[in-house]
Amino acid sequence: MVALIPIVMFGWIPIVFYLFVRFPTQRAVIISFVVAWLFLPQASYPIPLLPPYNKISASCYAILLATIFYDTARITTFKPGWLDIPMVVFCLCPIVSQVTNGGSPISPTFSQIITWGIPYFLGRLYVGNLDGLRQLAIGIFAGGLAYIPFTLIEGVRGPVLHQMVYGMSAFEDWGQARRMGGWRPVVFMQHGLMVGVWMMTAALIGVWLWQTGTLKKFQGRNIKTLAIVITIAFFLCRSTGAYSLFAIGLIVLFCAKWFRTSLPLLFIIGYIVFYLYVAASGQFSSQEAIGFITQLFGEERAASLKFRFDMEEILGEKARQRFVFGWGDSGGNRVYNQYGKDISITDSLWIIAFGIYGAVGLVSLFSSLLLPVVVFCVKYPARTWSNPKVAPAAALGVALTMYVFDCVLNAMTNPIFAVIAGGISGLVLKAPESLKAKKTSSPARRQSLVHQKSG
């Protein structure tokens, strides 16, 4: 069964080409990203001088090549904007980070472009308007529904599906999958935390599409029923961190609906920025935070977070020695004991970016993900978020912020969130779209107008 892995991985490119022939290009892009992220195996093939061919690069290579072959005109119409600057900086900063530390910039730079730049660019190309973001939101929701049977199976049997389908296990530490009297599903992703955030996003979108009346039915099923089902399935994923993100996301969206304010979302973004500032500058003290978390979530969760904070403090101290552009991939960002053994563990995306790419990489990465949401709050005020045209974009903006919030503690790279960031950037770089419903005349009225013109 292991032989199935290269067939799927390298066969993915012609499959995406078929999707571009079979469907409109926008839908083909969305289907390709969602299906690849949900079902491609956790496998990696080395490529000389380039980043390895893995789940992320396979989806990005395939979609970019299909776009070049079948939709070249769309690429030629692309117009860069000021919101694209942070992503460009983040994609190119490995050049300086590598050169200043005596390393080759080729593979790290291409890795950054493939992992973050291409998904963002494709988001700008294909979902940079209200309708495109609506289609993306529905695609993510559909992906969440498709994952329900698999999460339920692994919730009972443990992380076995990757082994059963592809003949190899992608998750060895079953201790991390044991939660709350059952198993935290991993399915075909890297970790159960990643599945939790994915299902949180799909559930959040489903609830908001239902509450705003954006969708009445999906595939012939009542949207209310589907939203409830996917929310229950999400809670069965046993990811307590994702529970918190889901609750916060709902609070943000319903504050927009009931009180017509986006201040809770802006406050969360401000909190993320403030935390990154104090942590990167070495001013963060974990003692008070651990005491609060112990009361809220219990000693087991608090102990896990304390270990992460302790690691981040020593890693942050090492990162500040190369504050501006970081250590590159030299390994200098790691912490070693007196015997030369690496004793550091990097759980958080922010500390990885800070250690490898310095303050430039840290600021540019989080700016590229959060700044589009801030501008969205300005151009599309909270009072519009219940409008069926804006509701999907609002849900995606909140979900993106929750993902970034999670990246303060975890390092679960997901290219679909870069697609969301690119789509929202494309939307807000243009003048706000009209939210007025188009008037449609009745058949009798149209027939009368025809007679008038012919007379």
Protein backbone atom coordinates (compact mmCIF):
# COMPACT_ATOMS: atom_id res chain seq x y z
CA MET A 1 0.00 0.00 0.00
CA VAL A 2 3.01 2.30 0.45
CA ALA A 3 3.25 2.29 -3.35
CA LEU A 4 0.02 4.28 -3.38
CA ILE A 5 1.78 7.32 -1.90
CA PRO A 6 3.91 8.30 -4.96
CA ILE A 7 0.96 7.51 -7.25
CA VAL A 8 -1.23 9.95 -5.32
CA MET A 9 1.44 12.59 -4.79
CA PHE A 10 2.69 12.76 -8.38
CA GLY A 11 -0.69 11.95 -9.86
CA TRP A 12 -2.14 14.99 -8.14
CA ILE A 13 -0.85 17.34 -10.86
CA PRO A 14 -2.84 15.72 -13.72
CA ILE A 15 -5.86 15.48 -11.41
CA VAL A 16 -5.75 19.24 -10.85
CA PHE A 17 -5.38 19.78 -14.60
CA TYR A 18 -8.56 17.72 -15.07
CA LEU A 19 -10.37 19.82 -12.45
CA PHE A 20 -9.45 22.96 -14.39
CA VAL A 21 -10.99 21.43 -17.50
CA ARG A 22 -14.05 20.08 -15.70
CA PHE A 23 -14.96 23.15 -13.59
CA PRO A 24 -14.70 26.95 -13.80
CA THR A 25 -11.18 27.91 -12.77
CA GLN A 26 -12.21 29.56 -9.50
CA ARG A 27 -14.04 26.45 -8.35
CA ALA A 28 -11.18 24.23 -9.54
CA VAL A 29 -8.70 26.20 -7.40
CA ILE A 30 -10.88 25.93 -4.29
CA ILE A 31 -11.57 22.22 -4.78
CA SER A 32 -7.89 21.54 -5.42
CA PHE A 33 -6.69 23.29 -2.26
CA VAL A 34 -9.33 21.77 0.00
CA VAL A 35 -9.08 18.20 -1.31
CA ALA A 36 -5.27 18.26 -1.32
CA TRP A 37 -5.09 19.52 2.25
CA LEU A 38 -7.64 17.02 3.51
CA PHE A 39 -6.55 13.85 1.74
CA LEU A 40 -2.99 13.93 0.36
CA PRO A 41 -0.61 11.83 2.47
CA GLN A 42 2.04 13.09 4.86
CA ALA A 43 4.94 12.32 2.53
CA SER A 44 8.01 14.19 1.35
CA TYR A 45 10.34 13.72 -1.63
CA PRO A 46 13.65 15.64 -1.75
CA ILE A 47 14.41 17.85 -4.74
CA PRO A 48 17.97 19.16 -5.24
CA LEU A 49 18.33 22.89 -4.45
CA LEU A 50 14.55 23.18 -3.98
CA PRO A 51 12.23 22.48 -1.07
CA PRO A 52 10.92 18.90 -0.85
CA TYR A 53 7.86 17.82 -2.77
CA ASN A 54 5.27 17.40 -0.05
CA LYS A 55 1.60 17.97 0.66
CA ILE A 56 1.83 21.78 0.49
CA SER A 57 4.16 22.03 -2.51
CA ALA A 58 2.19 19.39 -4.46
CA SER A 59 -1.02 21.40 -4.18
CA CYS A 60 0.70 24.71 -4.96
CA TYR A 61 2.74 23.40 -7.91
CA ALA A 62 -0.32 21.75 -9.44
CA ILE A 63 -2.62 24.75 -9.12
CA LEU A 64 -0.03 27.25 -10.31
CA LEU A 65 0.84 25.13 -13.36
CA ALA A 66 -2.83 24.65 -14.20
CA THR A 67 -3.39 28.40 -13.89
CA ILE A 68 -0.50 29.07 -16.28
CA PHE A 69 -1.84 26.54 -18.80
CA TYR A 70 -5.56 27.27 -18.62
CA ASP A 71 -5.96 30.77 -17.19
CA THR A 72 -2.96 32.83 -18.24
CA ALA A 73 -5.09 35.89 -18.89
CA ARG A 74 -5.98 36.09 -15.22
CA ILE A 75 -2.30 36.29 -14.27
CA THR A 76 -1.67 39.11 -16.72
CA THR A 77 -4.46 41.18 -15.13
CA PHE A 78 -2.98 40.92 -11.62
CA LYS A 79 -2.28 44.31 -10.04
CA PRO A 80 -0.13 44.37 -6.90
CA GLY A 81 -1.14 46.60 -4.01
CA TRP A 82 0.33 47.95 -0.80
CA LEU A 83 -1.20 45.12 1.27
CA ASP A 84 0.95 42.65 -0.67
CA ILE A 85 4.19 44.19 0.65
CA PRO A 86 4.35 42.19 3.93
CA MET A 87 3.97 38.88 2.10
CA VAL A 88 6.63 39.85 -0.46
CA VAL A 89 9.00 40.81 2.37
CA PHE A 90 8.35 37.55 4.20
CA CYS A 91 8.97 35.50 1.06
CA LEU A 92 12.25 37.27 0.29
CA CYS A 93 13.70 37.77 3.77
CA PRO A 94 15.34 34.29 3.73
CA ILE A 95 17.80 35.68 1.19
CA VAL A 96 19.28 38.08 3.74
CA SER A 97 18.86 35.64 6.65
CA GLN A 98 20.76 32.94 4.80
CA VAL A 99 23.52 35.08 3.32
CA THR A 100 24.31 36.81 6.63
CA ASN A 101 24.68 33.39 8.26
CA GLY A 102 26.75 31.80 5.50
CA GLY A 103 23.98 29.62 4.06
CA SER A 104 22.47 29.16 0.62
CA PRO A 105 19.32 31.24 0.09
CA ILE A 106 17.90 29.16 -2.79
CA SER A 107 15.95 26.39 -1.08
CA PRO A 108 14.73 28.41 1.95
CA THR A 109 13.51 31.25 -0.26
CA PHE A 110 11.66 28.93 -2.62
CA SER A 111 10.21 27.10 0.38
CA GLN A 112 8.84 30.36 1.72
CA ILE A 113 7.39 31.31 -1.65
CA ILE A 114 5.74 27.92 -2.14
CA THR A 115 4.39 27.57 1.40
CA TRP A 116 3.08 31.12 1.82
CA GLY A 117 3.55 33.22 -1.29
CA ILE A 118 1.84 31.06 -3.91
CA PRO A 119 -1.30 30.36 -1.83
CA TYR A 120 -1.56 34.07 -1.03
CA PHE A 121 -1.07 34.96 -4.70
CA LEU A 122 -3.71 32.46 -5.82
CA GLY A 123 -6.07 33.88 -3.22
CA ARG A 124 -5.50 37.34 -4.69
CA LEU A 125 -6.16 36.01 -8.19
CA TYR A 126 -9.23 33.88 -7.62
CA VAL A 127 -11.11 34.90 -4.47
CA GLY A 128 -10.34 38.60 -4.16
CA ASN A 129 -13.98 39.72 -4.13
CA LEU A 130 -17.13 39.02 -2.13
CA ASP A 131 -18.35 36.28 -4.45
CA GLY A 132 -14.95 34.58 -4.51
CA LEU A 133 -14.73 34.59 -0.71
CA ARG A 134 -18.26 33.20 -0.57
CA GLN A 135 -17.22 30.30 -2.79
CA LEU A 136 -14.12 29.71 -0.66
CA ALA A 137 -16.16 29.74 2.55
CA ILE A 138 -18.61 27.21 1.11
CA GLY A 139 -15.68 25.07 -0.08
CA ILE A 140 -14.14 25.00 3.40
CA PHE A 141 -17.54 24.21 4.92
CA ALA A 142 -17.98 21.35 2.43
CA GLY A 143 -14.50 20.10 3.32
CA GLY A 144 -15.46 20.07 6.99
CA LEU A 145 -18.58 18.05 6.22
CA ALA A 146 -16.54 15.59 4.15
CA TYR A 147 -14.15 15.06 7.08
CA ILE A 148 -16.88 14.16 9.59
CA PRO A 149 -16.93 10.37 8.94
CA PHE A 150 -13.13 10.19 9.19
CA THR A 151 -12.96 12.17 12.43
CA LEU A 152 -15.67 9.98 13.95
CA ILE A 153 -13.81 6.79 13.02
CA GLU A 154 -10.57 8.02 14.53
CA GLY A 155 -12.37 9.38 17.57
CA VAL A 156 -13.18 5.75 18.38
CA ARG A 157 -10.19 3.85 16.98
CA GLY A 158 -7.35 6.37 17.19
CA PRO A 159 -5.16 7.80 14.37
CA VAL A 160 -5.26 4.74 12.10
CA LEU A 161 -6.58 5.99 8.75
CA HIS A 162 -3.27 7.16 7.30
CA GLN A 163 -1.85 3.71 8.02
CA MET A 164 -4.89 1.94 6.60
CA VAL A 165 -5.06 3.97 3.37
CA TYR A 166 -1.41 4.72 2.63
CA GLY A 167 0.36 1.87 4.41
CA MET A 168 2.42 4.03 6.74
CA SER A 169 1.73 5.90 9.94
CA ALA A 170 2.08 9.67 9.89
CA PHE A 171 1.56 10.06 13.63
CA GLU A 172 3.73 8.08 16.02
CA ASP A 173 3.03 9.68 19.40
CA TRP A 174 -0.37 8.25 20.26
CA GLY A 175 -0.06 9.76 23.72
CA GLN A 176 -0.76 13.18 22.20
CA ALA A 177 -3.88 11.81 20.52
CA ARG A 178 -5.44 10.49 23.74
CA ARG A 179 -7.88 13.06 25.07
CA MET A 180 -10.99 13.18 27.29
CA GLY A 181 -11.68 9.46 27.33
CA GLY A 182 -11.25 9.00 23.60
CA TRP A 183 -8.97 9.84 20.70
CA ARG A 184 -8.22 13.15 19.04
CA PRO A 185 -8.49 12.49 15.27
CA VAL A 186 -5.51 13.16 13.03
CA VAL A 187 -6.84 11.65 9.77
CA PHE A 188 -4.48 12.74 6.95
CA MET A 189 -3.05 15.82 8.63
CA GLN A 190 0.08 16.35 10.65
CA HIS A 191 -1.48 16.56 14.10
CA GLY A 192 -4.81 16.48 15.88
CA LEU A 193 -4.46 20.19 16.63
CA MET A 194 -4.49 20.87 12.90
CA VAL A 195 -7.69 18.87 12.46
CA GLY A 196 -9.22 20.75 15.38
CA VAL A 197 -8.52 24.15 13.84
CA TRP A 198 -9.82 22.97 10.45
CA MET A 199 -13.08 21.68 11.90
CA MET A 200 -13.38 24.82 14.03
CA THR A 201 -13.12 26.94 10.89
CA ALA A 202 -15.70 24.86 9.00
CA ALA A 203 -18.11 24.92 11.97
CA LEU A 204 -17.69 28.67 12.45
CA ILE A 205 -18.44 29.28 8.77
CA GLY A 206 -21.43 26.92 8.86
CA VAL A 207 -23.00 28.60 11.89
CA TRP A 208 -22.54 32.07 10.41
CA LEU A 209 -23.91 31.11 6.98
CA TRP A 210 -26.96 29.70 8.76
CA GLN A 211 -27.44 32.63 11.14
CA THR A 212 -27.19 35.25 8.40
CA GLY A 213 -29.41 33.39 5.94
CA THR A 214 -26.59 33.34 3.39
CA LEU A 215 -27.37 29.71 2.60
CA LYS A 216 -30.72 28.02 3.05
CA LYS A 217 -29.70 24.61 1.77
CA PHE A 218 -26.47 22.87 0.81
CA GLN A 219 -26.57 19.81 -1.44
CA GLY A 220 -30.30 19.55 -0.76
CA ARG A 221 -29.86 19.57 3.02
CA ASN A 222 -31.06 22.26 5.40
CA ILE A 223 -28.11 24.48 6.38
CA LYS A 224 -29.27 24.64 10.01
CA THR A 225 -29.08 20.87 10.31
CA LEU A 226 -25.66 20.73 8.66
CA ALA A 227 -24.32 23.53 10.86
CA ILE A 228 -25.44 21.71 13.99
CA VAL A 229 -24.02 18.39 12.78
CA ILE A 230 -20.61 19.84 11.92
CA THR A 231 -20.47 21.67 15.25
CA ILE A 232 -21.13 18.43 17.12
CA ALA A 233 -18.49 16.67 15.02
CA PHE A 234 -16.05 19.46 15.80
CA PHE A 235 -16.59 19.07 19.54
CA LEU A 236 -15.98 15.33 19.19
CA CYS A 237 -12.49 16.18 17.87
CA ARG A 238 -11.48 16.76 21.52
CA SER A 239 -9.30 19.78 20.78
CA THR A 240 -9.72 22.08 23.78
CA GLY A 241 -7.68 24.90 22.26
CA ALA A 242 -9.93 24.91 19.20
CA TYR A 243 -12.98 25.01 21.50
CA SER A 244 -11.73 28.32 22.86
CA LEU A 245 -11.09 29.68 19.37
CA PHE A 246 -14.59 28.65 18.28
CA ALA A 247 -16.19 30.36 21.28
CA ILE A 248 -14.19 33.55 20.72
CA GLY A 249 -15.04 33.52 17.01
CA LEU A 250 -18.75 33.21 17.74
CA ILE A 251 -18.56 36.06 20.27
CA VAL A 252 -16.90 38.28 17.66
CA LEU A 253 -19.47 37.47 14.97
CA PHE A 254 -22.53 37.87 17.21
CA CYS A 255 -21.18 41.13 18.62
CA ALA A 256 -21.11 42.32 15.02
CA LYS A 257 -24.67 41.12 14.51
CA TRP A 258 -26.22 42.37 17.75
CA PHE A 259 -24.11 45.41 18.62
CA ARG A 260 -22.76 46.31 15.17
CA THR A 261 -19.18 46.56 16.34
CA SER A 262 -15.93 44.92 15.27
CA LEU A 263 -14.10 46.07 18.40
CA PRO A 264 -13.80 42.52 19.85
CA LEU A 265 -12.01 41.37 16.70
CA LEU A 266 -9.74 44.42 16.68
CA PHE A 267 -9.03 43.87 20.37
CA ILE A 268 -7.93 40.28 19.68
CA ILE A 269 -5.67 41.45 16.86
CA GLY A 270 -4.26 44.11 19.17
CA TYR A 271 -3.66 41.49 21.85
CA ILE A 272 -1.78 39.26 19.38
CA VAL A 273 0.41 42.17 18.30
CA PHE A 274 1.04 43.21 21.93
CA TYR A 275 1.95 39.67 22.97
CA LEU A 276 4.36 39.27 20.05
CA TYR A 277 5.99 42.58 20.96
CA VAL A 278 6.52 41.79 24.65
CA ALA A 279 7.57 38.18 23.94
CA ALA A 280 10.02 39.10 21.18
CA SER A 281 11.50 41.91 23.26
CA GLY A 282 11.93 39.61 26.29
CA GLN A 283 9.43 41.39 28.53
CA PHE A 284 6.88 38.58 28.83
CA SER A 285 6.45 36.85 32.20
CA SER A 286 4.56 33.57 32.14
CA GLN A 287 3.80 33.29 35.87
CA GLU A 288 0.58 35.31 35.90
CA ALA A 289 -0.66 33.71 32.66
CA ILE A 290 -0.03 30.20 34.02
CA GLY A 291 -1.98 30.95 37.20
CA PHE A 292 -4.98 32.13 35.18
CA ILE A 293 -4.83 29.17 32.80
CA THR A 294 -4.62 26.72 35.72
CA GLN A 295 -7.88 28.07 37.12
CA LEU A 296 -9.56 28.05 33.71
CA PHE A 297 -8.35 24.81 32.10
CA GLY A 298 -6.74 22.78 34.88
CA GLU A 299 -3.20 21.79 35.83
CA GLU A 300 -2.53 19.46 32.87
CA ARG A 301 -3.18 22.16 30.27
CA ALA A 302 -1.33 24.76 32.35
CA ALA A 303 1.72 22.48 32.67
CA SER A 304 1.81 22.04 28.89
CA LEU A 305 1.66 25.80 28.32
CA LYS A 306 4.28 26.47 30.99
CA PHE A 307 6.68 24.16 29.18
CA ARG A 308 6.04 26.04 25.93
CA PHE A 309 6.53 29.44 27.57
CA ASP A 310 9.77 28.26 29.18
CA MET A 311 11.04 27.07 25.81
CA GLU A 312 10.04 30.32 24.15
CA GLU A 313 11.92 32.35 26.75
CA ILE A 314 15.24 30.63 26.05
CA LEU A 315 14.59 30.53 22.31
CA GLY A 316 13.63 34.21 22.34
CA GLU A 317 16.87 35.04 24.12
CA LYS A 318 18.80 33.20 21.41
CA ALA A 319 16.78 34.88 18.63
CA ARG A 320 17.56 38.36 19.98
CA GLN A 321 21.24 37.72 19.29
CA ARG A 322 20.33 38.00 15.57
CA PHE A 323 17.40 40.32 16.10
CA VAL A 324 16.83 41.80 12.64
CA PHE A 325 17.15 38.90 10.17
CA GLY A 326 17.57 35.89 12.44
CA TRP A 327 19.80 32.83 12.16
CA GLY A 328 18.53 31.39 8.89
CA ASP A 329 18.62 27.59 8.74
CA SER A 330 22.10 27.45 10.34
CA GLY A 331 20.64 26.02 13.55
CA GLY A 332 21.86 28.98 15.55
CA ASN A 333 18.32 29.70 16.68
CA ARG A 334 18.28 26.43 18.64
CA VAL A 335 19.50 25.99 22.22
CA TYR A 336 22.11 23.33 23.05
CA ASN A 337 23.38 21.87 26.31
CA GLN A 338 27.02 21.53 27.31
CA TYR A 339 27.32 18.33 25.29
CA GLY A 340 26.06 19.94 22.08
CA LYS A 341 22.66 18.29 22.22
CA ASP A 342 19.68 20.33 21.01
CA ILE A 343 17.38 20.75 24.02
CA SER A 344 14.92 23.23 22.49
CA ILE A 345 11.42 22.49 21.24
CA THR A 346 9.67 24.95 18.92
CA ASP A 347 5.91 24.67 19.27
CA SER A 348 4.87 28.15 18.14
CA LEU A 349 4.95 29.59 14.65
CA TRP A 350 5.97 33.00 15.94
CA ILE A 351 9.12 31.78 17.70
CA ILE A 352 10.12 29.78 14.61
CA ALA A 353 9.72 32.85 12.38
CA PHE A 354 11.53 35.06 14.90
CA GLY A 355 14.45 32.68 15.40
CA ILE A 356 15.02 31.89 11.72
CA TYR A 357 14.07 35.18 10.04
CA GLY A 358 14.34 37.71 12.87
CA ALA A 359 12.08 40.64 13.56
CA VAL A 360 11.69 41.28 9.82
CA GLY A 361 10.28 37.80 9.26
CA LEU A 362 8.09 37.91 12.36
CA VAL A 363 6.54 41.29 11.57
CA SER A 364 6.06 40.61 7.86
CA LEU A 365 4.42 37.19 8.42
CA PHE A 366 1.88 38.33 10.98
CA SER A 367 1.24 41.60 9.12
CA SER A 368 0.44 39.70 5.93
CA LEU A 369 -2.19 37.67 7.81
CA LEU A 370 -3.68 40.29 10.14
CA LEU A 371 -3.47 43.58 8.26
CA PRO A 372 -6.02 42.53 5.58
CA VAL A 373 -8.52 41.76 8.36
CA VAL A 374 -7.99 45.18 9.94
CA VAL A 375 -8.60 46.92 6.62
CA PHE A 376 -11.65 44.71 6.06
CA CYS A 377 -13.11 45.96 9.35
CA VAL A 378 -12.71 49.52 8.06
CA LYS A 379 -14.09 49.03 4.55
CA TYR A 380 -16.85 46.64 5.57
CA PRO A 381 -18.05 47.77 9.02
CA ALA A 382 -19.54 45.25 11.42
CA ARG A 383 -23.09 46.35 10.60
CA THR A 384 -22.61 44.80 7.14
CA TRP A 385 -21.37 41.41 8.37
CA SER A 386 -24.89 40.00 8.55
CA ASN A 387 -25.52 40.93 4.94
CA PRO A 388 -25.53 37.68 2.92
CA LYS A 389 -23.01 39.18 0.50
CA VAL A 390 -20.50 40.08 3.24
CA ALA A 391 -21.19 37.29 5.74
CA PRO A 392 -18.84 34.67 4.16
CA ALA A 393 -15.97 37.16 3.99
CA ALA A 394 -16.59 38.18 7.61
CA ALA A 395 -16.56 34.55 8.75
CA LEU A 396 -13.30 33.94 6.87
CA GLY A 397 -11.73 37.06 8.37
CA VAL A 398 -12.64 35.94 11.89
CA ALA A 399 -11.45 32.37 11.18
CA LEU A 400 -8.15 33.71 9.84
CA THR A 401 -7.67 35.75 13.01
CA MET A 402 -8.42 32.69 15.15
CA TYR A 403 -5.82 30.74 13.17
CA VAL A 404 -3.22 33.46 13.78
CA PHE A 405 -4.21 33.46 17.46
CA ASP A 406 -3.51 29.73 17.50
CA CYS A 407 -0.12 30.31 15.85
CA VAL A 408 0.94 32.18 18.98
CA LEU A 409 1.03 28.74 20.66
CA ASN A 410 1.24 26.25 17.78
CA ALA A 411 2.99 25.91 14.43
CA MET A 412 0.36 24.38 12.17
CA THR A 413 1.10 25.75 8.70
CA ASN A 414 -2.01 25.59 6.51
CA PRO A 415 -1.85 27.16 3.01
CA ILE A 416 -5.62 27.67 2.88
CA PHE A 417 -5.34 30.42 5.48
CA ALA A 418 -2.80 32.15 3.24
CA VAL A 419 -5.39 31.85 0.44
CA ILE A 420 -7.92 33.55 2.75
CA ALA A 421 -5.45 36.34 3.52
CA GLY A 422 -4.82 36.86 -0.19
CA GLY A 423 -8.53 36.88 -0.97
CA ILE A 424 -9.34 39.45 1.72
CA SER A 425 -6.40 41.59 0.57
CA GLY A 426 -7.72 41.53 -2.99
CA LEU A 427 -11.17 42.49 -1.74
CA VAL A 428 -10.13 45.46 0.39
CA LEU A 429 -7.61 46.81 -2.11
CA LYS A 430 -10.59 47.72 -4.29
CA ALA A 431 -13.45 50.10 -3.58
CA PRO A 432 -16.18 48.52 -1.42
CA GLU A 433 -18.61 46.48 -3.48
CA SER A 434 -22.26 47.46 -3.64
CA LEU A 435 -24.42 45.53 -1.16
CA LYS A 436 -27.72 46.42 -2.76
CA ALA A 437 -29.67 43.50 -4.17
CA LYS A 438 -30.07 43.60 -7.91
CA LYS A 439 -33.62 44.28 -8.98
CA THR A 440 -35.09 41.62 -11.21
CA SER A 441 -38.20 42.31 -13.19
CA SER A 442 -41.02 39.79 -13.42
CA PRO A 443 -41.61 37.86 -16.69
CA ALA A 444 -44.76 39.89 -17.36
CA ARG A 445 -42.86 43.12 -16.84
CA ARG A 446 -40.04 41.99 -19.16
CA GLN A 447 -42.58 40.96 -21.83
CA SER A 448 -44.27 44.38 -21.53
CA LEU A 449 -40.93 46.13 -22.04
CA VAL A 450 -40.28 44.01 -25.13
CA HIS A 451 -43.64 44.99 -26.61
CA GLN A 452 -42.99 48.67 -25.83
CA LYS A 453 -39.60 48.54 -27.56
CA SER A 454 -40.97 46.68 -30.57
CA GLY A 455 -43.82 49.19 -30.83
